[in-house]
Amino acid sequence: MKAIYLKVSELKLITQFLIEKEIILHPKISPHGRPNFTNYESQKFILILDRNILVKLLRLADEGTLKDEFSLKLVSSLFLWTQFNGVGITAGIALTEYANYQSDSAEASLENNKFLSIFNYYDLQYWVDLATGKIKSIPKINISPISSINFNVESDHYKMHYLEMLKMSQLFLNNKLSILERFHLFHDWIYRNILICKYTTFYAALVFSGNSKLFKDVINSFEDVINKCRNQAWDLTYLSI
């Protein structure tokens, strides 16, 4: 096994960087981006990568570097932190999101091949040196084709959140309703039709009170509304899963 050169002070700085940027979130273990495993030491943890982080990681592997130094530090620090702490990583939801948008699994399957290859292709020292700023680039990944996987599958979580967002947009764009009326109608509709989700409830409060930019941006067509609803539905899907 190859030796890894990492100072305790460097690991603390990397961990502090992730905490300050509130990257790792969990309703109980890390509700404010500050992981605390004190009462969960015997459990196995899996980090769910969202689409934005996965794209940066794959671009780094494809191009050998990232033009944005913050993204370079973020991706390398996160990958190092998970490996050092024995936390598993999955990109399954991000790949399903991508496949759903394309209505095809070809590109998502290719991304999955690259993602899985990253674990064996790079020594952990690369992530140490990237995260600490000792290097700015790594070798570009080179993989052989692997059998494809169908990621274009339905997600019950996503379908639920997509319906929630459509209803939320309908109520928000109705100028005749007050904030209280919107929230009451929204909650009543959810109670009668699907499941209550605390993340959606909180998000609805932000939207209806004007504290979310989601529907404040210029809306030129019905398709704009649909795209906004779909994007936000996936964000809620990550949280609820």
Protein backbone atom coordinates (compact mmCIF):
# COMPACT_ATOMS: atom_id res chain seq x y z
CA MET A 1 0.00 0.00 0.00
CA LYS A 2 1.39 3.40 -1.04
CA ALA A 3 2.15 5.85 1.79
CA ILE A 4 0.07 9.03 1.99
CA TYR A 5 1.71 12.23 3.17
CA LEU A 6 -0.84 14.38 4.98
CA LYS A 7 -0.22 16.56 8.02
CA VAL A 8 -2.80 16.74 10.80
CA SER A 9 -2.87 20.50 10.35
CA GLU A 10 -3.64 20.07 6.63
CA LEU A 11 -6.52 17.69 7.35
CA LYS A 12 -7.94 20.17 9.87
CA LEU A 13 -7.77 22.98 7.30
CA ILE A 14 -9.49 20.82 4.68
CA THR A 15 -12.25 19.84 7.12
CA GLN A 16 -12.67 23.45 8.22
CA PHE A 17 -12.93 24.55 4.58
CA LEU A 18 -15.80 22.10 3.96
CA ILE A 19 -17.52 23.21 7.17
CA GLU A 20 -17.20 26.92 6.37
CA LYS A 21 -18.68 26.38 2.91
CA GLU A 22 -21.48 24.19 4.38
CA ILE A 23 -20.95 21.48 1.77
CA ILE A 24 -21.93 18.33 3.69
CA LEU A 25 -25.58 18.38 4.76
CA HIS A 26 -27.75 15.90 6.66
CA PRO A 27 -30.90 16.65 8.73
CA LYS A 28 -29.49 15.04 11.88
CA ILE A 29 -25.75 14.54 11.46
CA SER A 30 -25.01 17.83 9.70
CA PRO A 31 -28.04 20.14 9.56
CA HIS A 32 -25.88 23.27 9.21
CA GLY A 33 -22.99 21.83 7.23
CA ARG A 34 -21.03 20.75 10.33
CA PRO A 35 -20.78 16.93 10.42
CA ASN A 36 -21.04 15.38 13.89
CA PHE A 37 -20.84 11.59 14.00
CA THR A 38 -20.71 11.37 17.81
CA ASN A 39 -23.88 9.29 18.25
CA TYR A 40 -23.58 7.44 14.93
CA GLU A 41 -20.09 5.94 15.11
CA SER A 42 -21.21 2.37 14.40
CA GLN A 43 -23.08 3.29 11.22
CA LYS A 44 -21.82 3.30 7.66
CA PHE A 45 -22.17 6.59 5.84
CA ILE A 46 -22.66 7.31 2.15
CA LEU A 47 -22.22 10.75 0.65
CA ILE A 48 -24.75 11.54 -2.10
CA LEU A 49 -23.14 13.78 -4.72
CA ASP A 50 -25.43 16.32 -6.32
CA ARG A 51 -25.26 17.08 -10.04
CA ASN A 52 -23.13 20.22 -9.68
CA ILE A 53 -20.39 18.46 -7.70
CA LEU A 54 -20.40 15.40 -9.96
CA VAL A 55 -19.99 17.51 -13.11
CA LYS A 56 -16.96 19.27 -11.57
CA LEU A 57 -15.40 15.97 -10.52
CA LEU A 58 -15.83 14.42 -13.98
CA ARG A 59 -14.52 17.55 -15.71
CA LEU A 60 -11.43 17.43 -13.49
CA ALA A 61 -10.82 13.81 -14.50
CA ASP A 62 -11.42 14.56 -18.19
CA GLU A 63 -9.35 17.74 -18.44
CA GLY A 64 -6.83 17.16 -15.65
CA THR A 65 -7.67 20.47 -13.94
CA LEU A 66 -10.40 23.06 -13.37
CA LYS A 67 -10.11 26.73 -14.33
CA ASP A 68 -12.01 27.72 -11.19
CA GLU A 69 -9.58 27.28 -8.27
CA PHE A 70 -12.40 27.24 -5.73
CA SER A 71 -14.08 24.31 -7.52
CA LEU A 72 -10.72 22.53 -7.72
CA LYS A 73 -10.22 22.87 -3.97
CA LEU A 74 -13.83 21.94 -3.26
CA VAL A 75 -13.86 18.72 -5.31
CA SER A 76 -10.44 17.52 -4.14
CA SER A 77 -11.15 18.37 -0.47
CA LEU A 78 -14.49 16.58 -0.55
CA PHE A 79 -13.04 13.48 -2.22
CA LEU A 80 -10.12 13.38 0.21
CA TRP A 81 -12.37 13.93 3.25
CA THR A 82 -14.66 11.03 2.33
CA GLN A 83 -11.79 8.64 1.64
CA PHE A 84 -9.93 9.56 4.82
CA ASN A 85 -13.06 9.17 6.98
CA GLY A 86 -14.23 5.95 5.33
CA VAL A 87 -17.37 7.53 3.90
CA GLY A 88 -18.75 5.96 0.72
CA ILE A 89 -19.74 8.08 -2.28
CA THR A 90 -22.62 7.58 -4.70
CA ALA A 91 -23.55 9.52 -7.83
CA GLY A 92 -26.70 7.51 -8.50
CA ILE A 93 -29.25 10.30 -8.08
CA ALA A 94 -27.19 12.76 -10.12
CA LEU A 95 -26.91 10.21 -12.92
CA THR A 96 -30.64 9.46 -12.78
CA GLU A 97 -31.33 13.20 -12.95
CA TYR A 98 -29.14 13.51 -16.06
CA ALA A 99 -30.68 10.47 -17.75
CA ASN A 100 -34.19 11.73 -17.02
CA TYR A 101 -33.43 15.07 -18.64
CA GLN A 102 -32.06 13.37 -21.74
CA SER A 103 -34.64 10.56 -21.73
CA ASP A 104 -31.70 8.27 -22.43
CA SER A 105 -29.03 6.50 -20.36
CA ALA A 106 -26.10 6.57 -22.79
CA GLU A 107 -24.34 9.68 -21.49
CA ALA A 108 -25.23 8.97 -17.87
CA SER A 109 -23.82 5.46 -18.20
CA LEU A 110 -20.58 6.86 -19.62
CA GLU A 111 -20.36 9.29 -16.70
CA ASN A 112 -20.89 6.41 -14.29
CA ASN A 113 -17.99 4.51 -15.87
CA LYS A 114 -15.72 7.52 -15.38
CA PHE A 115 -16.94 8.10 -11.83
CA LEU A 116 -16.26 4.50 -10.77
CA SER A 117 -12.85 4.52 -12.49
CA ILE A 118 -11.72 7.59 -10.55
CA PHE A 119 -11.45 5.58 -7.32
CA ASN A 120 -8.83 3.20 -8.75
CA TYR A 121 -7.25 5.49 -11.35
CA TYR A 122 -5.86 8.09 -8.95
CA ASP A 123 -3.71 7.63 -5.87
CA LEU A 124 -5.08 9.35 -2.77
CA GLN A 125 -1.95 11.51 -2.75
CA TYR A 126 -3.25 13.35 -5.81
CA TRP A 127 -6.30 14.51 -3.82
CA VAL A 128 -4.08 15.49 -0.88
CA ASP A 129 -1.84 17.61 -3.11
CA LEU A 130 -4.78 19.19 -4.96
CA ALA A 131 -6.65 20.02 -1.76
CA THR A 132 -3.57 21.57 -0.14
CA GLY A 133 -2.59 23.51 -3.28
CA LYS A 134 0.69 21.68 -3.89
CA ILE A 135 -0.42 20.85 -7.44
CA LYS A 136 -3.03 22.30 -9.82
CA SER A 137 -3.53 19.36 -12.16
CA ILE A 138 -3.67 15.56 -12.33
CA PRO A 139 -3.33 13.09 -15.23
CA LYS A 140 -6.36 12.96 -17.51
CA ILE A 141 -8.39 9.81 -17.03
CA ASN A 142 -8.31 7.11 -19.66
CA ILE A 143 -10.85 4.30 -19.36
CA SER A 144 -12.03 1.44 -21.51
CA PRO A 145 -15.74 1.08 -22.36
CA ILE A 146 -17.75 -0.74 -19.70
CA SER A 147 -21.21 -2.27 -19.98
CA SER A 148 -23.98 0.34 -19.87
CA ILE A 149 -26.50 0.78 -17.05
CA ASN A 150 -30.05 2.07 -17.35
CA PHE A 151 -30.30 5.26 -15.29
CA ASN A 152 -33.40 6.53 -17.05
CA VAL A 153 -35.73 5.19 -14.37
CA GLU A 154 -38.61 6.81 -12.52
CA SER A 155 -37.99 8.18 -9.06
CA ASP A 156 -40.98 8.29 -6.71
CA HIS A 157 -39.27 11.04 -4.72
CA TYR A 158 -38.75 13.15 -7.84
CA LYS A 159 -42.30 12.63 -9.12
CA MET A 160 -43.69 13.70 -5.76
CA HIS A 161 -41.54 16.83 -5.62
CA TYR A 162 -42.26 17.69 -9.25
CA LEU A 163 -46.01 17.64 -8.51
CA GLU A 164 -45.39 19.78 -5.43
CA MET A 165 -43.46 22.34 -7.46
CA LEU A 166 -46.12 22.52 -10.16
CA LYS A 167 -48.79 23.18 -7.52
CA MET A 168 -46.52 25.70 -5.81
CA SER A 169 -45.96 27.60 -9.06
CA GLN A 170 -49.69 27.62 -9.81
CA LEU A 171 -50.48 29.19 -6.44
CA PHE A 172 -47.55 31.63 -6.48
CA LEU A 173 -48.47 32.99 -9.91
CA ASN A 174 -52.06 33.59 -8.79
CA ASN A 175 -51.89 37.26 -7.78
CA LYS A 176 -55.37 37.16 -6.25
CA LEU A 177 -54.22 34.97 -3.36
CA SER A 178 -52.57 36.17 -0.15
CA ILE A 179 -49.50 34.46 1.31
CA LEU A 180 -51.63 32.71 3.92
CA GLU A 181 -54.18 31.55 1.32
CA ARG A 182 -51.44 30.15 -0.89
CA PHE A 183 -49.85 28.21 1.93
CA HIS A 184 -53.17 26.92 3.23
CA LEU A 185 -54.25 25.69 -0.22
CA PHE A 186 -50.83 24.17 -0.85
CA HIS A 187 -50.72 22.29 2.44
CA ASP A 188 -54.31 21.09 2.03
CA TRP A 189 -53.57 19.82 -1.49
CA ILE A 190 -50.49 17.93 -0.31
CA TYR A 191 -52.34 16.44 2.66
CA ARG A 192 -55.07 15.09 0.38
CA ASN A 193 -52.93 13.87 -2.51
CA ILE A 194 -49.34 12.94 -1.61
CA LEU A 195 -46.93 12.85 1.34
CA ILE A 196 -45.95 15.71 3.62
CA CYS A 197 -42.25 16.59 3.29
CA LYS A 198 -40.67 19.03 5.75
CA TYR A 199 -38.23 20.29 3.11
CA THR A 200 -41.02 21.15 0.70
CA THR A 201 -43.06 22.74 3.48
CA PHE A 202 -40.15 24.96 4.44
CA TYR A 203 -39.39 25.78 0.81
CA ALA A 204 -43.03 26.69 0.15
CA ALA A 205 -42.85 29.15 3.04
CA LEU A 206 -39.82 30.77 1.41
CA VAL A 207 -41.46 30.94 -2.02
CA PHE A 208 -44.85 32.26 -0.91
CA SER A 209 -43.27 34.88 1.39
CA GLY A 210 -41.08 36.18 -1.44
CA ASN A 211 -37.83 34.92 0.10
CA SER A 212 -36.91 32.68 -2.84
CA LYS A 213 -35.76 33.88 -6.26
CA LEU A 214 -37.24 30.85 -8.02
CA PHE A 215 -40.23 32.56 -9.66
CA LYS A 216 -38.91 36.12 -9.29
CA ASP A 217 -36.66 35.73 -12.31
CA VAL A 218 -38.04 36.58 -15.75
CA ILE A 219 -40.54 33.97 -16.93
CA ASN A 220 -41.10 34.11 -20.68
CA SER A 221 -43.08 30.95 -21.23
CA PHE A 222 -44.80 27.97 -19.67
CA GLU A 223 -41.65 26.00 -20.51
CA ASP A 224 -39.64 28.32 -18.23
CA VAL A 225 -41.95 27.44 -15.34
CA ILE A 226 -41.66 23.73 -16.11
CA ASN A 227 -37.85 23.88 -16.17
CA LYS A 228 -37.71 25.77 -12.87
CA CYS A 229 -40.04 23.23 -11.29
CA ARG A 230 -38.01 20.31 -12.58
CA ASN A 231 -34.71 21.74 -11.35
CA GLN A 232 -36.07 22.49 -7.89
CA ALA A 233 -37.80 19.10 -7.71
CA TRP A 234 -34.41 17.40 -8.10
CA ASP A 235 -32.91 19.56 -5.34
CA LEU A 236 -35.73 18.49 -3.03
CA THR A 237 -35.21 14.88 -4.13
CA TYR A 238 -31.60 14.92 -2.85
CA LEU A 239 -32.79 16.24 0.51
CA SER A 240 -35.70 13.86 0.98
CA ILE A 241 -33.69 10.77 -0.01
